[in-house]
Amino acid sequence: MGHDLGVPSESPSPLRVAIDATPLLGVRTGVGHVTAGFVETLAARDDIELVAYGVTRVSRGRLARAVPAGVRACTTRLPARALFALWERGPRPRIERWTGAVNVVHATNFVGPPARARVLVTIHDLTFLRFPEMCTASTLRYGTLVQRALERGAVVHVVSDFVADEVRDAFGLPTDRVRRVYAGLAATAGGDAGAGRRLAGADRYVLTLGTLEPRKNLPALVRAFDAVASTDGDLVLALAGPDGWGSDGVHAAVAAARHGDRVHRLGYVPDEARRDLLAGATVVAYPSIYEGFGHTPLEAMVAGIPVVAAAAGALPEVLGDAALLVDPSDEDALAAALARALGDEALRRDLVTRGRERATRYPWSRAGDEMAALYRGLAPGS
């Protein structure tokens, strides 16, 4: 009897991947949003079986509520500070102690744990090496922890070619140990512009989103806004994001500004409010001194809002000609760019068109495909 060629062959078993979901806990920063995007995209695939781990002493149930249904969650029940100290000294304990056997470990936030499986470490940027004066003590530990993971054979994932080049130079790595997979973008279109204006407290406002920390260069933005506000009487600057280390500099700049009463501090905003604020904004400003990618300006482009950003870090690579890019140390240039983006209607239309096209280059579907292929290349027997 011949073979039945119409019966499909059995599909291979899914690749079992342990992924660090710790950034999903608490208030989500940029790393948290990127990690959430990868977790959600990969969890929906048939060829990947995710196990989410948390380097934290919080309950497993809390982590389980932060990941998609069907993704098994486990926590170390040891605080990160204690576990990182162990991993700095040696290759124990391995992460499989909590996750069970896996094919690949994806450490999404700089710290690659010891493991029997091959480890992929995401390095979002090298702030801890390039600008140590802008880092907290915990962030400064990343340098040693990254080095230990590399000594154990980890491969590095980065989210831009800019960071890839920096990582290769800083750690002396060959090309094949640093892999770039761009992240995708959050769904920021469709916000309620009216609700955004009510949140901002103005009909016309320059918006910036992100944690108030020195790297974001927000005191310079406050001073640039102050210059523009002198000739634009109804304009407001809306700062949306939680206070971070070094936020005193922002508060001092607001206190010193002539139009400080038109700088509105909104604090942390949830995703729905974020979409509304983007929809209602007149311009989004992102004058960061250093970035490994730049989600906020791209999210503004998705929402159809003109962007003024810094010509620094990965921002020129990621944003291309779809934003007005200025030297972040030149406050006069930043003020001039804001004035142009606010007042030149032809330029605004052009930036919106270019921005929407630029944002289509970063779909989560492609990020998931490329990350799954990277996992397969690292798995034993590949």
Protein backbone atom coordinates (compact mmCIF):
# COMPACT_ATOMS: atom_id res chain seq x y z
CA MET A 1 0.00 0.00 0.00
CA GLY A 2 1.39 3.41 -0.96
CA HIS A 3 1.80 6.32 1.42
CA ASP A 4 -1.10 8.75 1.77
CA LEU A 5 0.55 11.92 0.50
CA GLY A 6 -2.50 13.95 1.46
CA VAL A 7 -1.83 13.54 5.21
CA PRO A 8 0.28 16.45 6.47
CA SER A 9 3.42 15.64 8.40
CA GLU A 10 3.39 16.27 12.13
CA SER A 11 4.38 19.84 12.92
CA PRO A 12 7.47 20.32 15.09
CA SER A 13 7.04 21.01 18.77
CA PRO A 14 6.97 24.68 19.78
CA LEU A 15 10.23 26.21 20.95
CA ARG A 16 10.12 26.67 24.71
CA VAL A 17 11.38 30.15 25.65
CA ALA A 18 11.80 31.61 29.14
CA ILE A 19 11.26 35.37 28.92
CA ASP A 20 11.92 37.95 31.63
CA ALA A 21 8.57 39.61 32.31
CA THR A 22 9.72 41.56 35.38
CA PRO A 23 9.38 44.88 33.47
CA LEU A 24 5.62 44.27 33.22
CA LEU A 25 5.22 44.75 36.97
CA GLY A 26 4.51 48.17 38.45
CA VAL A 27 4.44 51.42 36.48
CA ARG A 28 5.60 50.60 32.95
CA THR A 29 8.49 52.54 31.54
CA GLY A 30 9.64 52.30 27.93
CA VAL A 31 11.32 48.96 28.65
CA GLY A 32 8.05 47.71 30.13
CA HIS A 33 6.10 48.65 27.01
CA VAL A 34 8.68 46.99 24.72
CA THR A 35 8.69 43.84 26.84
CA ALA A 36 4.89 43.75 26.87
CA GLY A 37 4.84 44.01 23.09
CA PHE A 38 7.24 41.11 22.64
CA VAL A 39 5.43 38.96 25.23
CA GLU A 40 2.01 39.56 23.68
CA THR A 41 3.22 39.07 20.10
CA LEU A 42 5.20 35.90 20.84
CA ALA A 43 2.49 34.39 23.06
CA ALA A 44 0.11 34.47 20.11
CA ARG A 45 2.39 32.28 17.96
CA ASP A 46 1.98 28.52 17.55
CA ASP A 47 5.72 27.90 17.19
CA ILE A 48 6.69 29.52 20.52
CA GLU A 49 5.77 28.41 24.04
CA LEU A 50 6.55 31.16 26.52
CA VAL A 51 7.36 30.79 30.19
CA ALA A 52 7.35 34.22 31.85
CA TYR A 53 9.72 34.66 34.78
CA GLY A 54 9.99 37.51 37.25
CA VAL A 55 13.12 38.38 39.20
CA THR A 56 11.12 39.52 42.19
CA ARG A 57 9.76 38.42 45.51
CA VAL A 58 6.18 39.41 44.59
CA SER A 59 3.57 36.71 44.19
CA ARG A 60 3.43 34.53 41.10
CA GLY A 61 -0.25 35.45 40.79
CA ARG A 62 0.59 39.09 40.29
CA LEU A 63 2.94 38.27 37.42
CA ALA A 64 0.40 35.85 35.93
CA ARG A 65 -2.13 38.70 35.73
CA ALA A 66 0.38 40.80 33.78
CA VAL A 67 0.99 38.27 30.99
CA PRO A 68 -1.39 36.87 28.35
CA ALA A 69 -3.65 33.96 29.20
CA GLY A 70 -1.94 30.62 28.63
CA VAL A 71 1.56 31.88 29.47
CA ARG A 72 2.91 30.16 32.57
CA ALA A 73 4.35 32.59 35.10
CA CYS A 74 6.97 31.96 37.77
CA THR A 75 8.82 34.22 40.18
CA THR A 76 12.17 33.76 41.88
CA ARG A 77 10.78 34.80 45.28
CA LEU A 78 14.18 36.40 45.79
CA PRO A 79 14.55 40.18 45.47
CA ALA A 80 16.44 41.38 42.41
CA ARG A 81 19.17 43.01 44.50
CA ALA A 82 20.08 39.71 46.20
CA LEU A 83 19.86 37.61 43.04
CA PHE A 84 21.91 40.05 40.98
CA ALA A 85 24.63 39.95 43.64
CA LEU A 86 24.78 36.16 43.28
CA TRP A 87 24.89 36.38 39.49
CA GLU A 88 27.70 38.92 39.63
CA ARG A 89 29.81 36.43 41.59
CA GLY A 90 29.12 33.19 39.74
CA PRO A 91 26.91 31.00 37.51
CA ARG A 92 24.36 30.03 40.18
CA PRO A 93 21.49 29.79 40.64
CA ARG A 94 20.40 29.03 37.09
CA ILE A 95 17.09 30.48 35.93
CA GLU A 96 15.78 26.99 35.10
CA ARG A 97 15.47 26.46 38.85
CA TRP A 98 12.24 28.47 38.49
CA THR A 99 11.28 28.10 34.82
CA GLY A 100 12.04 24.43 34.28
CA ALA A 101 13.85 23.22 31.16
CA VAL A 102 13.69 25.60 28.18
CA ASN A 103 15.33 25.88 24.77
CA VAL A 104 16.22 29.60 24.99
CA VAL A 105 16.23 32.27 27.72
CA HIS A 106 15.37 35.83 26.69
CA ALA A 107 16.51 38.37 29.28
CA THR A 108 14.55 41.45 28.23
CA ASN A 109 16.14 44.04 30.51
CA PHE A 110 19.96 43.92 30.48
CA VAL A 111 20.43 41.15 33.08
CA GLY A 112 21.16 37.75 31.54
CA PRO A 113 20.85 35.01 34.16
CA PRO A 114 22.99 31.88 34.33
CA ALA A 115 21.23 29.09 32.43
CA ARG A 116 21.75 25.72 30.83
CA ALA A 117 19.99 27.04 27.72
CA ARG A 118 21.43 29.70 25.42
CA VAL A 119 20.75 33.21 26.70
CA LEU A 120 19.70 36.25 24.66
CA VAL A 121 20.15 39.58 26.49
CA THR A 122 18.31 42.70 25.32
CA ILE A 123 20.43 45.83 25.76
CA HIS A 124 18.19 48.82 25.13
CA ASP A 125 20.99 51.40 25.33
CA LEU A 126 24.35 52.01 26.98
CA THR A 127 23.40 54.89 29.25
CA PHE A 128 25.21 53.16 32.13
CA LEU A 129 28.47 53.43 30.16
CA ARG A 130 27.94 56.59 28.10
CA PHE A 131 26.26 58.78 30.74
CA PRO A 132 26.91 57.25 34.18
CA GLU A 133 26.19 60.61 35.80
CA MET A 134 22.59 60.21 34.63
CA CYS A 135 22.12 56.78 36.21
CA THR A 136 20.97 55.46 39.54
CA ALA A 137 23.16 53.05 41.49
CA SER A 138 20.99 50.11 40.40
CA THR A 139 21.35 51.03 36.71
CA LEU A 140 25.12 51.31 37.06
CA ARG A 141 25.20 47.61 38.03
CA TYR A 142 24.16 46.68 34.49
CA GLY A 143 27.72 46.99 33.23
CA THR A 144 29.00 44.17 35.44
CA LEU A 145 25.90 42.02 34.95
CA VAL A 146 26.08 42.37 31.16
CA GLN A 147 29.77 41.47 31.21
CA ARG A 148 29.09 38.34 33.28
CA ALA A 149 26.37 37.22 30.86
CA LEU A 150 28.69 37.77 27.89
CA GLU A 151 31.43 35.76 29.59
CA ARG A 152 28.93 32.90 29.87
CA GLY A 153 28.30 33.09 26.10
CA ALA A 154 25.14 35.21 25.88
CA VAL A 155 24.09 36.75 22.57
CA VAL A 156 22.89 40.36 22.58
CA HIS A 157 19.63 41.67 21.14
CA VAL A 158 19.41 45.41 20.42
CA VAL A 159 16.57 47.53 19.08
CA SER A 160 18.60 49.73 16.72
CA ASP A 161 21.72 49.63 14.57
CA PHE A 162 23.03 52.57 16.60
CA VAL A 163 23.04 50.51 19.80
CA ALA A 164 24.42 47.48 17.91
CA ASP A 165 27.50 49.47 16.93
CA GLU A 166 27.92 50.81 20.46
CA VAL A 167 27.64 47.35 22.02
CA ARG A 168 30.15 45.79 19.63
CA ASP A 169 32.64 48.57 20.34
CA ALA A 170 32.11 48.65 24.10
CA PHE A 171 32.35 44.90 24.69
CA GLY A 172 34.54 43.84 21.77
CA LEU A 173 31.92 41.50 20.31
CA PRO A 174 31.87 40.02 16.81
CA THR A 175 28.98 40.84 14.50
CA ASP A 176 27.21 37.52 14.98
CA ARG A 177 26.84 38.02 18.74
CA VAL A 178 24.85 41.25 18.39
CA ARG A 179 21.49 40.98 16.62
CA ARG A 180 19.14 43.84 15.82
CA VAL A 181 15.38 43.34 15.92
CA TYR A 182 13.37 46.55 15.93
CA ALA A 183 10.50 46.64 18.39
CA GLY A 184 6.96 47.33 17.22
CA LEU A 185 4.75 50.24 18.20
CA ALA A 186 1.84 50.50 20.58
CA ALA A 187 -1.59 51.15 19.10
CA THR A 188 -1.73 54.91 19.71
CA ALA A 189 -4.14 55.95 16.97
CA GLY A 190 -7.80 56.56 17.69
CA GLY A 191 -7.49 58.62 20.87
CA ASP A 192 -10.08 61.20 21.86
CA ALA A 193 -8.54 64.59 21.05
CA GLY A 194 -11.09 66.45 23.16
CA ALA A 195 -10.32 64.28 26.17
CA GLY A 196 -6.62 64.88 25.59
CA ARG A 197 -7.12 68.65 25.58
CA ARG A 198 -9.10 68.46 28.79
CA LEU A 199 -6.33 66.41 30.42
CA ALA A 200 -3.68 68.87 29.23
CA GLY A 201 -5.79 71.84 30.30
CA ALA A 202 -5.48 73.64 26.96
CA ASP A 203 -6.68 73.57 23.36
CA ARG A 204 -3.11 73.95 22.05
CA TYR A 205 -0.24 72.17 23.75
CA VAL A 206 3.23 70.80 23.21
CA LEU A 207 3.30 67.30 24.69
CA THR A 208 6.16 65.23 26.00
CA LEU A 209 5.74 61.73 27.41
CA GLY A 210 8.15 59.83 29.62
CA THR A 211 9.75 59.60 33.02
CA LEU A 212 11.18 62.86 34.32
CA GLU A 213 14.89 61.99 34.42
CA PRO A 214 18.06 63.80 33.31
CA ARG A 215 18.49 61.86 30.06
CA LYS A 216 15.18 63.22 28.74
CA ASN A 217 16.57 66.79 28.74
CA LEU A 218 13.30 68.29 29.97
CA PRO A 219 14.74 71.41 31.64
CA ALA A 220 15.97 72.44 28.18
CA LEU A 221 12.49 71.80 26.77
CA VAL A 222 10.93 73.95 29.50
CA ARG A 223 13.29 76.82 28.65
CA ALA A 224 12.68 76.44 24.89
CA PHE A 225 8.94 76.41 25.49
CA ASP A 226 9.27 79.51 27.65
CA ALA A 227 10.85 81.36 24.74
CA VAL A 228 8.08 80.30 22.34
CA ALA A 229 5.34 81.02 24.88
CA SER A 230 6.38 84.70 24.97
CA THR A 231 4.83 85.18 21.53
CA ASP A 232 2.17 82.44 21.69
CA GLY A 233 -0.20 83.38 24.44
CA ASP A 234 -2.45 80.32 24.61
CA LEU A 235 0.19 77.59 24.26
CA VAL A 236 0.77 75.08 27.08
CA LEU A 237 3.54 72.55 27.70
CA ALA A 238 2.15 69.25 29.02
CA LEU A 239 4.65 66.99 30.79
CA ALA A 240 3.15 63.50 31.12
CA GLY A 241 5.13 60.93 33.06
CA PRO A 242 6.14 59.99 36.58
CA ASP A 243 8.92 61.68 38.51
CA GLY A 244 12.19 59.83 38.20
CA TRP A 245 15.67 60.30 39.56
CA GLY A 246 16.80 63.87 38.96
CA SER A 247 13.31 65.29 38.42
CA ASP A 248 14.24 68.23 40.69
CA GLY A 249 15.94 69.80 37.67
CA VAL A 250 12.64 69.88 35.81
CA HIS A 251 10.81 71.43 38.75
CA ALA A 252 13.54 74.07 39.11
CA ALA A 253 13.30 74.96 35.41
CA VAL A 254 9.52 75.35 35.69
CA ALA A 255 9.88 77.52 38.78
CA ALA A 256 12.37 79.78 36.97
CA ALA A 257 10.32 80.10 33.77
CA ARG A 258 8.41 83.32 33.04
CA HIS A 259 5.50 81.23 31.84
CA GLY A 260 5.87 78.39 34.32
CA ASP A 261 2.14 78.57 35.07
CA ARG A 262 1.58 77.24 31.54
CA VAL A 263 3.71 74.15 32.15
CA HIS A 264 1.25 71.48 33.25
CA ARG A 265 2.62 68.47 35.13
CA LEU A 266 0.28 65.53 34.55
CA GLY A 267 2.21 62.74 36.28
CA TYR A 268 1.92 59.14 35.14
CA VAL A 269 -0.90 58.55 32.64
CA PRO A 270 -2.40 55.14 31.72
CA ASP A 271 -2.52 53.91 28.14
CA GLU A 272 -5.96 55.32 27.28
CA ALA A 273 -5.05 58.77 28.56
CA ARG A 274 -1.76 58.52 26.68
CA ARG A 275 -3.65 57.95 23.41
CA ASP A 276 -5.98 60.86 24.16
CA LEU A 277 -3.10 63.21 24.93
CA LEU A 278 -1.36 62.23 21.69
CA ALA A 279 -4.55 62.76 19.68
CA GLY A 280 -5.09 66.26 21.07
CA ALA A 281 -1.48 67.48 20.95
CA THR A 282 -0.37 70.25 18.61
CA VAL A 283 3.26 69.08 18.63
CA VAL A 284 5.09 66.27 20.41
CA ALA A 285 8.58 67.17 21.63
CA TYR A 286 11.28 64.61 22.44
CA PRO A 287 14.61 66.36 23.08
CA SER A 288 16.34 63.41 24.76
CA ILE A 289 20.12 63.54 25.05
CA TYR A 290 20.47 59.82 24.34
CA GLU A 291 18.04 57.11 23.17
CA GLY A 292 18.42 53.52 22.02
CA PHE A 293 15.21 53.63 19.96
CA GLY A 294 12.50 56.28 20.53
CA HIS A 295 8.97 54.95 20.90
CA THR A 296 7.25 58.16 21.94
CA PRO A 297 7.95 60.17 18.75
CA LEU A 298 6.93 57.19 16.60
CA GLU A 299 3.71 56.81 18.59
CA ALA A 300 3.03 60.49 17.90
CA MET A 301 3.52 59.81 14.21
CA VAL A 302 0.99 56.96 14.36
CA ALA A 303 -1.44 59.45 15.90
CA GLY A 304 -0.78 61.99 13.13
CA ILE A 305 1.04 64.60 15.25
CA PRO A 306 4.14 66.56 14.11
CA VAL A 307 7.32 65.75 16.04
CA VAL A 308 10.31 67.77 17.14
CA ALA A 309 13.10 65.51 18.43
CA ALA A 310 16.78 65.43 19.23
CA ALA A 311 19.39 64.55 16.65
CA ALA A 312 20.95 62.18 19.19
CA GLY A 313 21.39 58.47 19.81
CA ALA A 314 19.21 56.25 17.64
CA LEU A 315 16.61 58.94 16.94
CA PRO A 316 17.98 59.97 13.50
CA GLU A 317 18.07 56.29 12.46
CA VAL A 318 14.57 55.54 13.68
CA LEU A 319 12.78 58.78 12.75
CA GLY A 320 14.59 59.62 9.52
CA ASP A 321 13.21 62.71 7.78
CA ALA A 322 9.79 62.41 9.42
CA ALA A 323 10.63 64.75 12.34
CA LEU A 324 12.36 68.06 12.88
CA LEU A 325 15.68 67.00 14.43
CA VAL A 326 17.79 69.45 16.43
CA ASP A 327 20.91 69.41 18.57
CA PRO A 328 19.57 68.71 22.08
CA SER A 329 22.18 71.03 23.61
CA ASP A 330 21.01 74.01 21.49
CA GLU A 331 17.98 75.47 23.26
CA ASP A 332 17.59 78.25 20.69
CA ALA A 333 17.41 75.68 17.90
CA LEU A 334 14.88 73.67 19.91
CA ALA A 335 12.71 76.77 20.41
CA ALA A 336 12.95 77.63 16.69
CA ALA A 337 11.95 74.09 15.70
CA LEU A 338 8.96 74.20 18.06
CA ALA A 339 7.87 77.53 16.58
CA ARG A 340 8.11 76.15 13.03
CA ALA A 341 6.19 72.97 13.88
CA LEU A 342 3.50 75.02 15.61
CA GLY A 343 3.06 77.75 13.01
CA ASP A 344 3.98 76.45 9.54
CA GLU A 345 0.89 74.62 8.27
CA ALA A 346 2.56 73.26 5.14
CA LEU A 347 5.40 71.87 7.22
CA ARG A 348 2.94 70.35 9.67
CA ARG A 349 1.09 68.55 6.87
CA ASP A 350 4.37 67.25 5.46
CA LEU A 351 5.56 66.00 8.84
CA VAL A 352 2.26 64.21 9.46
CA THR A 353 2.42 62.48 6.06
CA ARG A 354 6.06 61.48 6.48
CA GLY A 355 5.46 60.41 10.07
CA ARG A 356 2.58 58.08 9.28
CA GLU A 357 4.66 56.42 6.56
CA ARG A 358 7.67 56.11 8.85
CA ALA A 359 5.65 54.45 11.60
CA THR A 360 4.53 51.67 9.24
CA ARG A 361 8.13 50.40 9.23
CA TYR A 362 7.80 49.09 12.79
CA PRO A 363 4.98 46.52 12.96
CA TRP A 364 4.85 44.06 15.84
CA SER A 365 4.16 41.27 13.34
CA ARG A 366 7.61 41.68 11.81
CA ALA A 367 9.23 42.04 15.23
CA GLY A 368 7.64 38.74 16.28
CA ASP A 369 8.77 36.95 13.12
CA GLU A 370 12.34 38.19 13.46
CA MET A 371 12.54 37.41 17.17
CA ALA A 372 11.17 33.89 16.65
CA ALA A 373 13.79 33.32 13.93
CA LEU A 374 16.49 34.57 16.31
CA TYR A 375 15.30 32.13 19.00
CA ARG A 376 15.40 29.23 16.53
CA GLY A 377 18.94 30.13 15.55
CA LEU A 378 20.02 30.01 19.20
CA ALA A 379 18.20 26.81 20.17
CA PRO A 380 20.20 23.56 20.41
CA GLY A 381 20.22 21.57 17.19
CA SER A 382 19.44 24.55 15.00
